[in-house]
PDB file of N, CA and C in Angstrom:
ATOM      1  N   UNK A   1     115.596 176.571 169.683  1.00  0.00           N
ATOM      2  CA  UNK A   1     114.454 177.015 170.524  1.00  0.00           C
ATOM      3  C   UNK A   1     114.682 178.734 170.201  1.00  0.00           C
ATOM      4  N   UNK A   2     116.523 178.871 170.492  1.00  0.00           N
ATOM      5  CA  UNK A   2     116.533 180.938 170.336  1.00  0.00           C
ATOM      6  C   UNK A   2     115.732 180.925 168.745  1.00  0.00           C
ATOM      7  N   UNK A   3     115.694 180.475 167.985  1.00  0.00           N
ATOM      8  CA  UNK A   3     115.586 180.957 166.484  1.00  0.00           C
ATOM      9  C   UNK A   3     114.300 181.278 166.161  1.00  0.00           C
ATOM     10  N   UNK A   4     113.315 180.250 167.304  1.00  0.00           N
ATOM     11  CA  UNK A   4     111.954 180.046 166.779  1.00  0.00           C
ATOM     12  C   UNK A   4     111.456 181.655 167.923  1.00  0.00           C
ATOM     13  N   UNK A   5     112.516 181.904 168.718  1.00  0.00           N
ATOM     14  CA  UNK A   5     111.911 183.245 169.515  1.00  0.00           C
ATOM     15  C   UNK A   5     112.377 184.440 168.693  1.00  0.00           C
ATOM     16  N   UNK A   6     113.629 184.251 168.041  1.00  0.00           N
ATOM     17  CA  UNK A   6     114.421 185.793 167.219  1.00  0.00           C
ATOM     18  C   UNK A   6     113.126 184.998 165.524  1.00  0.00           C
ATOM     19  N   UNK A   7     112.373 184.515 164.976  1.00  0.00           N
ATOM     20  CA  UNK A   7     111.366 184.742 163.824  1.00  0.00           C
ATOM     21  C   UNK A   7     110.055 185.529 164.636  1.00  0.00           C
ATOM     22  N   UNK A   8     109.778 184.560 165.910  1.00  0.00           N
ATOM     23  CA  UNK A   8     108.709 185.427 166.353  1.00  0.00           C
ATOM     24  C   UNK A   8     108.778 187.130 166.416  1.00  0.00           C
ATOM     25  N   UNK A   9     109.918 187.386 166.815  1.00  0.00           N
ATOM     26  CA  UNK A   9     110.112 189.108 167.348  1.00  0.00           C
ATOM     27  C   UNK A   9     110.447 189.818 165.887  1.00  0.00           C
ATOM     28  N   UNK A  10     111.201 188.787 164.594  1.00  0.00           N
ATOM     29  CA  UNK A  10     111.254 189.862 163.556  1.00  0.00           C
ATOM     30  C   UNK A  10     109.972 189.870 162.979  1.00  0.00           C
ATOM     31  N   UNK A  11     108.830 188.669 163.164  1.00  0.00           N
ATOM     32  CA  UNK A  11     107.382 189.059 163.009  1.00  0.00           C
ATOM     33  C   UNK A  11     106.808 189.702 163.683  1.00  0.00           C
ATOM     34  N   UNK A  12     106.951 190.107 164.517  1.00  0.00           N
ATOM     35  CA  UNK A  12     106.712 191.449 165.764  1.00  0.00           C
ATOM     36  C   UNK A  12     105.431 190.146 166.724  1.00  0.00           C
ATOM     37  N   UNK A  13     105.784 189.277 166.889  1.00  0.00           N
ATOM     38  CA  UNK A  13     104.684 188.412 167.667  1.00  0.00           C
ATOM     39  C   UNK A  13     105.345 188.574 168.853  1.00  0.00           C
ATOM     40  N   UNK A  14     106.505 188.511 168.791  1.00  0.00           N
ATOM     41  CA  UNK A  14     107.101 188.889 170.418  1.00  0.00           C
ATOM     42  C   UNK A  14     107.760 190.314 171.009  1.00  0.00           C
ATOM     43  N   UNK A  15     108.439 190.189 171.826  1.00  0.00           N
ATOM     44  CA  UNK A  15     109.287 191.416 172.244  1.00  0.00           C
ATOM     45  C   UNK A  15     110.329 190.319 173.536  1.00  0.00           C
ATOM     46  N   UNK A  16     111.566 191.074 173.005  1.00  0.00           N
ATOM     47  CA  UNK A  16     112.813 190.921 173.287  1.00  0.00           C
ATOM     48  C   UNK A  16     112.731 190.335 175.157  1.00  0.00           C
ATOM     49  N   UNK A  17     111.774 191.247 175.514  1.00  0.00           N
ATOM     50  CA  UNK A  17     110.714 191.226 177.397  1.00  0.00           C
ATOM     51  C   UNK A  17     110.406 189.991 177.261  1.00  0.00           C
ATOM     52  N   UNK A  18     109.818 189.490 176.594  1.00  0.00           N
ATOM     53  CA  UNK A  18     109.052 188.096 176.919  1.00  0.00           C
ATOM     54  C   UNK A  18     109.658 186.707 176.189  1.00  0.00           C
ATOM     55  N   UNK A  19     110.602 186.939 175.978  1.00  0.00           N
ATOM     56  CA  UNK A  19     111.924 185.363 175.609  1.00  0.00           C
ATOM     57  C   UNK A  19     112.195 185.659 177.296  1.00  0.00           C
ATOM     58  N   UNK A  20     111.850 183.875 176.870  1.00  0.00           N
ATOM     59  CA  UNK A  20     112.727 183.318 178.652  1.00  0.00           C
ATOM     60  C   UNK A  20     114.187 184.001 179.519  1.00  0.00           C
ATOM     61  N   UNK A  21     114.156 184.435 180.401  1.00  0.00           N
ATOM     62  CA  UNK A  21     115.898 184.979 180.589  1.00  0.00           C
ATOM     63  C   UNK A  21     116.970 184.259 180.196  1.00  0.00           C
ATOM     64  N   UNK A  22     116.799 182.991 180.149  1.00  0.00           N
ATOM     65  CA  UNK A  22     117.674 181.528 180.399  1.00  0.00           C
ATOM     66  C   UNK A  22     118.416 181.936 178.694  1.00  0.00           C
ATOM     67  N   UNK A  23     117.596 182.156 177.692  1.00  0.00           N
ATOM     68  CA  UNK A  23     118.163 182.260 176.205  1.00  0.00           C
ATOM     69  C   UNK A  23     117.790 183.476 175.789  1.00  0.00           C
ATOM     70  N   UNK A  24     117.717 184.719 176.817  1.00  0.00           N
ATOM     71  CA  UNK A  24     117.312 185.770 176.178  1.00  0.00           C
ATOM     72  C   UNK A  24     119.022 186.839 175.635  1.00  0.00           C
ATOM     73  N   UNK A  25     119.850 186.174 175.932  1.00  0.00           N
ATOM     74  CA  UNK A  25     121.306 186.869 175.218  1.00  0.00           C
ATOM     75  C   UNK A  25     121.500 186.500 174.493  1.00  0.00           C
ATOM     76  N   UNK A  26     121.051 184.801 174.506  1.00  0.00           N
ATOM     77  CA  UNK A  26     121.743 184.340 172.653  1.00  0.00           C
ATOM     78  C   UNK A  26     120.778 184.561 172.107  1.00  0.00           C
ATOM     79  N   UNK A  27     118.908 184.889 171.977  1.00  0.00           N
ATOM     80  CA  UNK A  27     118.428 185.550 170.958  1.00  0.00           C
ATOM     81  C   UNK A  27     118.738 186.719 170.360  1.00  0.00           C
ATOM     82  N   UNK A  28     119.256 187.829 171.637  1.00  0.00           N
ATOM     83  CA  UNK A  28     119.911 189.278 171.382  1.00  0.00           C
ATOM     84  C   UNK A  28     120.881 189.096 170.667  1.00  0.00           C
ATOM     85  N   UNK A  29     121.816 187.968 170.864  1.00  0.00           N
ATOM     86  CA  UNK A  29     122.688 188.014 170.001  1.00  0.00           C
ATOM     87  C   UNK A  29     122.366 187.848 168.429  1.00  0.00           C
ATOM     88  N   UNK A  30     121.624 186.640 167.661  1.00  0.00           N
ATOM     89  CA  UNK A  30     121.001 186.526 166.720  1.00  0.00           C
ATOM     90  C   UNK A  30     120.927 187.527 166.314  1.00  0.00           C
ATOM     91  N   UNK A  31     119.772 188.393 167.184  1.00  0.00           N
ATOM     92  CA  UNK A  31     118.498 189.400 166.623  1.00  0.00           C
ATOM     93  C   UNK A  31     119.928 190.481 166.098  1.00  0.00           C
ATOM     94  N   UNK A  32     121.328 190.975 167.166  1.00  0.00           N
ATOM     95  CA  UNK A  32     122.154 191.857 166.825  1.00  0.00           C
ATOM     96  C   UNK A  32     123.278 191.528 165.499  1.00  0.00           C
ATOM     97  N   UNK A  33     123.630 190.456 165.346  1.00  0.00           N
ATOM     98  CA  UNK A  33     124.353 189.914 164.308  1.00  0.00           C
ATOM     99  C   UNK A  33     123.177 189.696 162.986  1.00  0.00           C
ATOM    100  N   UNK A  34     122.137 189.699 162.344  1.00  0.00           N
ATOM    101  CA  UNK A  34     121.083 189.867 161.383  1.00  0.00           C
ATOM    102  C   UNK A  34     121.007 191.185 161.421  1.00  0.00           C
ATOM    103  N   UNK A  35     120.757 192.045 162.518  1.00  0.00           N
ATOM    104  CA  UNK A  35     120.584 193.427 162.061  1.00  0.00           C
ATOM    105  C   UNK A  35     122.480 194.236 161.112  1.00  0.00           C
ATOM    106  N   UNK A  36     123.568 193.577 161.779  1.00  0.00           N
ATOM    107  CA  UNK A  36     124.641 194.173 161.362  1.00  0.00           C
ATOM    108  C   UNK A  36     124.911 193.216 159.809  1.00  0.00           C
ATOM    109  N   UNK A  37     124.198 192.642 159.551  1.00  0.00           N
ATOM    110  CA  UNK A  37     124.542 192.175 157.974  1.00  0.00           C
ATOM    111  C   UNK A  37     123.768 192.640 157.167  1.00  0.00           C
TER     112      UNK A  37
END
């Protein structure tokens, strides 16, 4: 589920604030790791 939100954020369709709080940290970690690459 986190990967779906990551893809939507990367496409500009969602923001991190729109991600449910229960998985927001996981989504942010994936985004941060993707930026670091």
